Structure formats: C-alpha cells, structure tokens
Amino acid sequence: MKGLRISILFVAGFLGTIPAAVARDDDHRDKGNKFATELSGYNEVHFSGGGGSQFPVPAAALRGAVSTKANGKFKATIDKHMKVIEYKLSYEGLEGEVTQGHIHFGQRHTVGGIVVWLCQTAGTQAPEAVRALTPTCPAEGEVKGTITPEQVLAQTLQGIEAGEFDELVSAIRAEATYANVHSTLHGPGEIRGQIKKDD
C-alpha cells in the first residue's frame, strides 16, 4: 500500500511539471517569433530625382537620413501556424502630419516596395484590396493591428505575390523588411527601422 501511495505521489508530481514545461516551451517558441525595431529619421533612405543642370544626379539616386525629432517603435509576434502577425506601431514628434505606415521589403540602406499597410489616414488610404483591414493612423501614439495573408501586397519585381504570407515571414526572419511612418513633410518616410529579432 505504501508503495502504491509513493507511485501515485510520483505520478502526480510528474504531471504537475507538465504545464510548467509546456509554458516554458511556449515562451521559447514566442521568443523566436518576436520581432521589433526602433524608428528614427537617421534610418531613412529616399529616392531623389534628377536635380537639373545645376545639381545633376542620376534619376534614381538614393539620399539618406532625415533630421527629425520624431521617433517610434514597432513590435510584432508571428504565429506562422495560424498565419497571423500581431503588431503594435507607435510614434511621436512627427514634424509633419502622419499620412501612412507600412512594412517594406528591403534591406538596410535600400528602398523596398510596400508589402503591408500598418495604418492609413483619410487623405492617404490603403489600396482598396486591404483598406477595410487597415487601421487608422493616430496623430501620434500607438496603433495595433493583425496581419493575415489577405493583407500581403504583391511586389512582383521583388518576387512576392499578393497573399504570400510565408514569403513575408521569411523576409522578416531574414531581417529584410523595415517599418516606416510617412508624413506630409517627409512624403517618402519620416522615420524608419529595420525589423529584427526581439531577444
């Protein structure tokens, strides 16, 4: 009888450790699926057109950095199994009025196409295909949203077709995406940050 009681206590003790082990496993999984960046004007890169005869530059020259007091943060958690990305975008101090926020497919110090709209405004609406799914940008503060396959836009020249959620996730994991916020003063983007693993 004593041996039976010890066995029951052992099994109960073992079973009691399972929820903790599962919780630790979930935490471990979440850590690998959390991404973030800080947005700054110093990270911005813009295209600039030709400057005429006085300042001749190639038609698609890049110019970098924006001097602005604005800053922001982007955080995302990927659930690849459920095909969902939960995100928070926050910003403050924009020197122009906010117009839009996005995830772009592009490496650091390059300009890439928009693959996800994070927020929109009445004056600058998201494409019709994703407009109803895109939250409104606050003047400043925080906006939260959920990215699903339906919100992934095509960037055909970069190899991404509409709805290719797994391609978006692969690009995020490869640190080949950036988040930025555009304003009326800095149309191509006022603040930007390369999305990286949030350890």
C-alpha atoms as a PDB file:
ATOM      1  CA  MET A   1       0.000   0.000   0.000  1.00  0.00           C
ATOM      2  CA  LYS A   2       2.881   2.291   0.875  1.00  0.00           C
ATOM      3  CA  GLY A   3       4.476   1.572  -2.491  1.00  0.00           C
ATOM      4  CA  LEU A   4       1.204   2.436  -4.267  1.00  0.00           C
ATOM      5  CA  ARG A   5       0.977   5.774  -2.400  1.00  0.00           C
ATOM      6  CA  ILE A   6       4.567   6.644  -3.385  1.00  0.00           C
ATOM      7  CA  SER A   7       3.812   5.763  -7.022  1.00  0.00           C
ATOM      8  CA  ILE A   8       0.693   7.952  -7.013  1.00  0.00           C
ATOM      9  CA  LEU A   9       2.631  10.862  -5.484  1.00  0.00           C
ATOM     10  CA  PHE A  10       5.398  10.413  -8.069  1.00  0.00           C
ATOM     11  CA  VAL A  11       2.940  10.406 -10.993  1.00  0.00           C
ATOM     12  CA  ALA A  12       1.081  13.415  -9.581  1.00  0.00           C
ATOM     13  CA  GLY A  13       4.351  15.267  -9.140  1.00  0.00           C
ATOM     14  CA  PHE A  14       5.407  14.407 -12.669  1.00  0.00           C
ATOM     15  CA  LEU A  15       2.075  15.516 -14.134  1.00  0.00           C
ATOM     16  CA  GLY A  16       2.336  18.741 -12.174  1.00  0.00           C
ATOM     17  CA  THR A  17       5.534  19.594 -14.050  1.00  0.00           C
ATOM     18  CA  ILE A  18       3.919  19.224 -17.475  1.00  0.00           C
ATOM     19  CA  PRO A  19       2.060  22.590 -17.514  1.00  0.00           C
ATOM     20  CA  ALA A  20       5.266  24.364 -16.466  1.00  0.00           C
ATOM     21  CA  ALA A  21       7.227  22.566 -19.184  1.00  0.00           C
ATOM     22  CA  VAL A  22       4.579  23.441 -21.771  1.00  0.00           C
ATOM     23  CA  ALA A  23       4.607  27.074 -20.618  1.00  0.00           C
ATOM     24  CA  ARG A  24       8.402  27.173 -20.930  1.00  0.00           C
ATOM     25  CA  ASP A  25       8.143  25.648 -24.412  1.00  0.00           C
ATOM     26  CA  ASP A  26       5.541  28.273 -25.400  1.00  0.00           C
ATOM     27  CA  ASP A  27       7.809  31.015 -24.054  1.00  0.00           C
ATOM     28  CA  HIS A  28      10.706  29.599 -26.063  1.00  0.00           C
ATOM     29  CA  ARG A  29       8.573  29.457 -29.211  1.00  0.00           C
ATOM     30  CA  ASP A  30       7.356  33.039 -28.670  1.00  0.00           C
ATOM     31  CA  LYS A  31      10.917  34.311 -28.269  1.00  0.00           C
ATOM     32  CA  GLY A  32      11.776  33.053 -31.740  1.00  0.00           C
ATOM     33  CA  ASN A  33       8.669  34.717 -33.146  1.00  0.00           C
ATOM     34  CA  LYS A  34       9.023  38.172 -31.614  1.00  0.00           C
ATOM     35  CA  PHE A  35      10.429  40.992 -33.730  1.00  0.00           C
ATOM     36  CA  ALA A  36      10.920  44.694 -33.121  1.00  0.00           C
ATOM     37  CA  THR A  37      12.659  47.867 -34.197  1.00  0.00           C
ATOM     38  CA  GLU A  38      13.078  51.476 -33.171  1.00  0.00           C
ATOM     39  CA  LEU A  39      12.171  54.034 -35.825  1.00  0.00           C
ATOM     40  CA  SER A  40      14.321  57.080 -36.474  1.00  0.00           C
ATOM     41  CA  GLY A  41      14.883  59.628 -39.216  1.00  0.00           C
ATOM     42  CA  TYR A  42      18.528  58.591 -39.265  1.00  0.00           C
ATOM     43  CA  ASN A  43      17.483  55.237 -40.760  1.00  0.00           C
ATOM     44  CA  GLU A  44      15.502  56.769 -43.634  1.00  0.00           C
ATOM     45  CA  VAL A  45      16.531  56.313 -47.267  1.00  0.00           C
ATOM     46  CA  HIS A  46      14.736  58.150 -50.087  1.00  0.00           C
ATOM     47  CA  PHE A  47      14.836  58.149 -53.850  1.00  0.00           C
ATOM     48  CA  SER A  48      15.616  61.524 -55.347  1.00  0.00           C
ATOM     49  CA  GLY A  49      15.076  62.518 -58.962  1.00  0.00           C
ATOM     50  CA  GLY A  50      17.455  64.472 -61.167  1.00  0.00           C
ATOM     51  CA  GLY A  51      18.433  67.884 -59.838  1.00  0.00           C
ATOM     52  CA  GLY A  52      18.598  69.664 -63.194  1.00  0.00           C
ATOM     53  CA  SER A  53      21.714  71.164 -64.751  1.00  0.00           C
ATOM     54  CA  GLN A  54      22.807  72.847 -61.517  1.00  0.00           C
ATOM     55  CA  PHE A  55      22.769  69.647 -59.424  1.00  0.00           C
ATOM     56  CA  PRO A  56      22.882  66.741 -61.877  1.00  0.00           C
ATOM     57  CA  VAL A  57      22.238  63.359 -60.218  1.00  0.00           C
ATOM     58  CA  PRO A  58      21.000  60.069 -61.669  1.00  0.00           C
ATOM     59  CA  ALA A  59      17.222  59.794 -61.968  1.00  0.00           C
ATOM     60  CA  ALA A  60      17.054  57.064 -59.305  1.00  0.00           C
ATOM     61  CA  ALA A  61      19.749  58.256 -56.900  1.00  0.00           C
ATOM     62  CA  LEU A  62      19.337  57.439 -53.220  1.00  0.00           C
ATOM     63  CA  ARG A  63      19.683  60.009 -50.489  1.00  0.00           C
ATOM     64  CA  GLY A  64      19.701  59.025 -46.867  1.00  0.00           C
ATOM     65  CA  ALA A  65      18.683  60.235 -43.421  1.00  0.00           C
ATOM     66  CA  VAL A  66      16.089  62.725 -42.235  1.00  0.00           C
ATOM     67  CA  SER A  67      16.790  65.175 -39.430  1.00  0.00           C
ATOM     68  CA  THR A  68      13.671  64.989 -37.268  1.00  0.00           C
ATOM     69  CA  LYS A  69      12.833  64.877 -33.582  1.00  0.00           C
ATOM     70  CA  ALA A  70      10.333  62.086 -34.309  1.00  0.00           C
ATOM     71  CA  ASN A  71      10.835  58.542 -33.072  1.00  0.00           C
ATOM     72  CA  GLY A  72       8.840  55.359 -32.896  1.00  0.00           C
ATOM     73  CA  LYS A  73       8.722  51.640 -32.173  1.00  0.00           C
ATOM     74  CA  PHE A  74       7.394  48.604 -33.984  1.00  0.00           C
ATOM     75  CA  LYS A  75       6.772  45.238 -32.324  1.00  0.00           C
ATOM     76  CA  ALA A  76       5.389  42.073 -33.883  1.00  0.00           C
ATOM     77  CA  THR A  77       4.664  38.496 -32.868  1.00  0.00           C
ATOM     78  CA  ILE A  78       4.407  35.905 -35.618  1.00  0.00           C
ATOM     79  CA  ASP A  79       2.154  32.857 -35.420  1.00  0.00           C
ATOM     80  CA  LYS A  80       3.117  31.104 -38.647  1.00  0.00           C
ATOM     81  CA  HIS A  81       0.880  28.103 -37.907  1.00  0.00           C
ATOM     82  CA  MET A  82      -2.206  30.319 -37.614  1.00  0.00           C
ATOM     83  CA  LYS A  83      -0.885  32.670 -40.351  1.00  0.00           C
ATOM     84  CA  VAL A  84      -1.249  35.758 -38.185  1.00  0.00           C
ATOM     85  CA  ILE A  85       1.121  38.537 -37.141  1.00  0.00           C
ATOM     86  CA  GLU A  86       0.025  40.728 -34.236  1.00  0.00           C
ATOM     87  CA  TYR A  87       1.732  44.129 -34.204  1.00  0.00           C
ATOM     88  CA  LYS A  88       1.993  47.446 -32.395  1.00  0.00           C
ATOM     89  CA  LEU A  89       3.286  50.598 -34.080  1.00  0.00           C
ATOM     90  CA  SER A  90       3.912  53.719 -32.007  1.00  0.00           C
ATOM     91  CA  TYR A  91       5.424  57.086 -32.874  1.00  0.00           C
ATOM     92  CA  GLU A  92       5.641  60.650 -31.597  1.00  0.00           C
ATOM     93  CA  GLY A  93       7.081  64.014 -32.548  1.00  0.00           C
ATOM     94  CA  LEU A  94       6.487  63.823 -36.309  1.00  0.00           C
ATOM     95  CA  GLU A  95       7.345  67.162 -37.867  1.00  0.00           C
ATOM     96  CA  GLY A  96       4.610  66.721 -40.469  1.00  0.00           C
ATOM     97  CA  GLU A  97       1.132  65.245 -40.135  1.00  0.00           C
ATOM     98  CA  VAL A  98       1.116  61.452 -40.306  1.00  0.00           C
ATOM     99  CA  THR A  99      -0.107  60.045 -43.635  1.00  0.00           C
ATOM    100  CA  GLN A 100       0.596  56.280 -43.519  1.00  0.00           C
ATOM    101  CA  GLY A 101       2.672  53.455 -42.036  1.00  0.00           C
ATOM    102  CA  HIS A 102       3.983  50.297 -43.739  1.00  0.00           C
ATOM    103  CA  ILE A 103       6.231  47.275 -43.782  1.00  0.00           C
ATOM    104  CA  HIS A 104       8.542  47.439 -46.807  1.00  0.00           C
ATOM    105  CA  PHE A 105      10.509  44.563 -48.344  1.00  0.00           C
ATOM    106  CA  GLY A 106      14.038  45.927 -48.372  1.00  0.00           C
ATOM    107  CA  GLN A 107      17.416  45.541 -46.748  1.00  0.00           C
ATOM    108  CA  ARG A 108      19.067  48.181 -44.595  1.00  0.00           C
ATOM    109  CA  HIS A 109      20.052  51.335 -46.520  1.00  0.00           C
ATOM    110  CA  THR A 110      17.867  50.382 -49.503  1.00  0.00           C
ATOM    111  CA  VAL A 111      14.376  51.303 -50.660  1.00  0.00           C
ATOM    112  CA  GLY A 112      11.892  48.440 -50.990  1.00  0.00           C
ATOM    113  CA  GLY A 113       8.274  48.050 -52.010  1.00  0.00           C
ATOM    114  CA  ILE A 114       5.338  48.125 -49.577  1.00  0.00           C
ATOM    115  CA  VAL A 115       4.212  44.617 -48.605  1.00  0.00           C
ATOM    116  CA  VAL A 116       1.889  45.512 -45.685  1.00  0.00           C
ATOM    117  CA  TRP A 117      -0.008  48.649 -44.716  1.00  0.00           C
ATOM    118  CA  LEU A 118       0.185  49.140 -40.941  1.00  0.00           C
ATOM    119  CA  CYS A 119      -2.085  52.198 -40.842  1.00  0.00           C
ATOM    120  CA  GLN A 120      -3.762  54.703 -43.124  1.00  0.00           C
ATOM    121  CA  THR A 121      -5.360  58.153 -42.996  1.00  0.00           C
ATOM    122  CA  ALA A 122      -8.358  59.706 -44.762  1.00  0.00           C
ATOM    123  CA  GLY A 123      -6.002  61.603 -47.072  1.00  0.00           C
ATOM    124  CA  THR A 124      -3.781  58.590 -47.823  1.00  0.00           C
ATOM    125  CA  GLN A 125      -5.824  55.419 -47.898  1.00  0.00           C
ATOM    126  CA  ALA A 126      -4.534  51.902 -48.309  1.00  0.00           C
ATOM    127  CA  PRO A 127      -5.234  50.128 -51.626  1.00  0.00           C
ATOM    128  CA  GLU A 128      -8.842  49.035 -51.924  1.00  0.00           C
ATOM    129  CA  ALA A 129      -7.955  45.342 -51.525  1.00  0.00           C
ATOM    130  CA  VAL A 130      -6.684  45.930 -47.957  1.00  0.00           C
ATOM    131  CA  ARG A 131      -8.418  49.185 -46.976  1.00  0.00           C
ATOM    132  CA  ALA A 132     -11.078  47.594 -44.766  1.00  0.00           C
ATOM    133  CA  LEU A 133      -8.397  45.589 -42.915  1.00  0.00           C
ATOM    134  CA  THR A 134      -6.048  48.530 -42.290  1.00  0.00           C
ATOM    135  CA  PRO A 135      -6.408  50.551 -39.058  1.00  0.00           C
ATOM    136  CA  THR A 136      -6.327  54.350 -38.944  1.00  0.00           C
ATOM    137  CA  CYS A 137      -3.083  56.089 -38.009  1.00  0.00           C
ATOM    138  CA  PRO A 138      -3.382  58.245 -34.881  1.00  0.00           C
ATOM    139  CA  ALA A 139      -1.840  61.743 -34.977  1.00  0.00           C
ATOM    140  CA  GLU A 140       0.667  60.220 -32.573  1.00  0.00           C
ATOM    141  CA  GLY A 141       0.643  57.363 -30.109  1.00  0.00           C
ATOM    142  CA  GLU A 142       0.000  53.677 -30.748  1.00  0.00           C
ATOM    143  CA  VAL A 143      -1.880  51.676 -33.331  1.00  0.00           C
ATOM    144  CA  LYS A 144      -2.417  47.908 -33.074  1.00  0.00           C
ATOM    145  CA  GLY A 145      -3.315  45.508 -35.824  1.00  0.00           C
ATOM    146  CA  THR A 146      -3.269  41.984 -37.189  1.00  0.00           C
ATOM    147  CA  ILE A 147      -1.609  40.935 -40.432  1.00  0.00           C
ATOM    148  CA  THR A 148      -3.159  37.994 -42.304  1.00  0.00           C
ATOM    149  CA  PRO A 149      -2.371  36.584 -45.768  1.00  0.00           C
ATOM    150  CA  GLU A 150      -5.066  38.828 -47.280  1.00  0.00           C
ATOM    151  CA  GLN A 151      -3.025  41.894 -46.296  1.00  0.00           C
ATOM    152  CA  VAL A 152       0.221  40.908 -48.021  1.00  0.00           C
ATOM    153  CA  LEU A 153       0.592  43.019 -51.158  1.00  0.00           C
ATOM    154  CA  ALA A 154       2.349  41.987 -54.340  1.00  0.00           C
ATOM    155  CA  GLN A 155       5.835  43.255 -55.112  1.00  0.00           C
ATOM    156  CA  THR A 156       6.225  41.221 -58.270  1.00  0.00           C
ATOM    157  CA  LEU A 157       9.570  42.715 -59.293  1.00  0.00           C
ATOM    158  CA  GLN A 158      10.909  41.622 -55.895  1.00  0.00           C
ATOM    159  CA  GLY A 159       9.388  38.140 -56.146  1.00  0.00           C
ATOM    160  CA  ILE A 160       6.450  38.490 -53.732  1.00  0.00           C
ATOM    161  CA  GLU A 161       2.904  37.846 -54.919  1.00  0.00           C
ATOM    162  CA  ALA A 162      -0.248  39.021 -53.158  1.00  0.00           C
ATOM    163  CA  GLY A 163      -1.169  36.847 -50.187  1.00  0.00           C
ATOM    164  CA  GLU A 164       2.247  35.179 -49.831  1.00  0.00           C
ATOM    165  CA  PHE A 165       2.284  35.227 -46.043  1.00  0.00           C
ATOM    166  CA  ASP A 166       5.115  32.687 -45.737  1.00  0.00           C
ATOM    167  CA  GLU A 167       7.296  34.842 -48.007  1.00  0.00           C
ATOM    168  CA  LEU A 168       6.633  37.822 -45.728  1.00  0.00           C
ATOM    169  CA  VAL A 169       7.561  35.777 -42.657  1.00  0.00           C
ATOM    170  CA  SER A 170      10.762  34.559 -44.339  1.00  0.00           C
ATOM    171  CA  ALA A 171      11.703  38.138 -45.216  1.00  0.00           C
ATOM    172  CA  ILE A 172      11.070  39.316 -41.647  1.00  0.00           C
ATOM    173  CA  ARG A 173      13.158  36.454 -40.237  1.00  0.00           C
ATOM    174  CA  ALA A 174      15.961  37.322 -42.694  1.00  0.00           C
ATOM    175  CA  GLU A 175      15.848  40.951 -41.436  1.00  0.00           C
ATOM    176  CA  ALA A 176      14.986  42.053 -44.977  1.00  0.00           C
ATOM    177  CA  THR A 177      11.971  44.189 -44.015  1.00  0.00           C
ATOM    178  CA  TYR A 178      11.620  47.603 -42.431  1.00  0.00           C
ATOM    179  CA  ALA A 179       8.789  49.556 -40.868  1.00  0.00           C
ATOM    180  CA  ASN A 180       8.332  53.242 -41.520  1.00  0.00           C
ATOM    181  CA  VAL A 181       5.938  56.113 -40.934  1.00  0.00           C
ATOM    182  CA  HIS A 182       5.332  58.769 -43.593  1.00  0.00           C
ATOM    183  CA  SER A 183       4.303  62.373 -43.016  1.00  0.00           C
ATOM    184  CA  THR A 184       3.197  65.388 -45.034  1.00  0.00           C
ATOM    185  CA  LEU A 185       6.633  66.964 -44.539  1.00  0.00           C
ATOM    186  CA  HIS A 186       8.592  63.831 -45.475  1.00  0.00           C
ATOM    187  CA  GLY A 187       6.481  62.021 -48.052  1.00  0.00           C
ATOM    188  CA  PRO A 188       8.854  59.083 -48.676  1.00  0.00           C
ATOM    189  CA  GLY A 189       9.051  58.494 -44.913  1.00  0.00           C
ATOM    190  CA  GLU A 190       9.977  60.458 -41.798  1.00  0.00           C
ATOM    191  CA  ILE A 191      11.094  57.597 -39.523  1.00  0.00           C
ATOM    192  CA  ARG A 192      12.155  54.054 -40.250  1.00  0.00           C
ATOM    193  CA  GLY A 193      13.672  50.966 -38.607  1.00  0.00           C
ATOM    194  CA  GLN A 194      14.899  47.584 -39.827  1.00  0.00           C
ATOM    195  CA  ILE A 195      12.803  44.794 -38.268  1.00  0.00           C
ATOM    196  CA  LYS A 196      14.931  42.373 -36.246  1.00  0.00           C
ATOM    197  CA  LYS A 197      14.524  39.556 -33.717  1.00  0.00           C
ATOM    198  CA  ASP A 198      13.440  40.892 -30.336  1.00  0.00           C
ATOM    199  CA  ASP A 199      15.590  38.910 -27.898  1.00  0.00           C
END
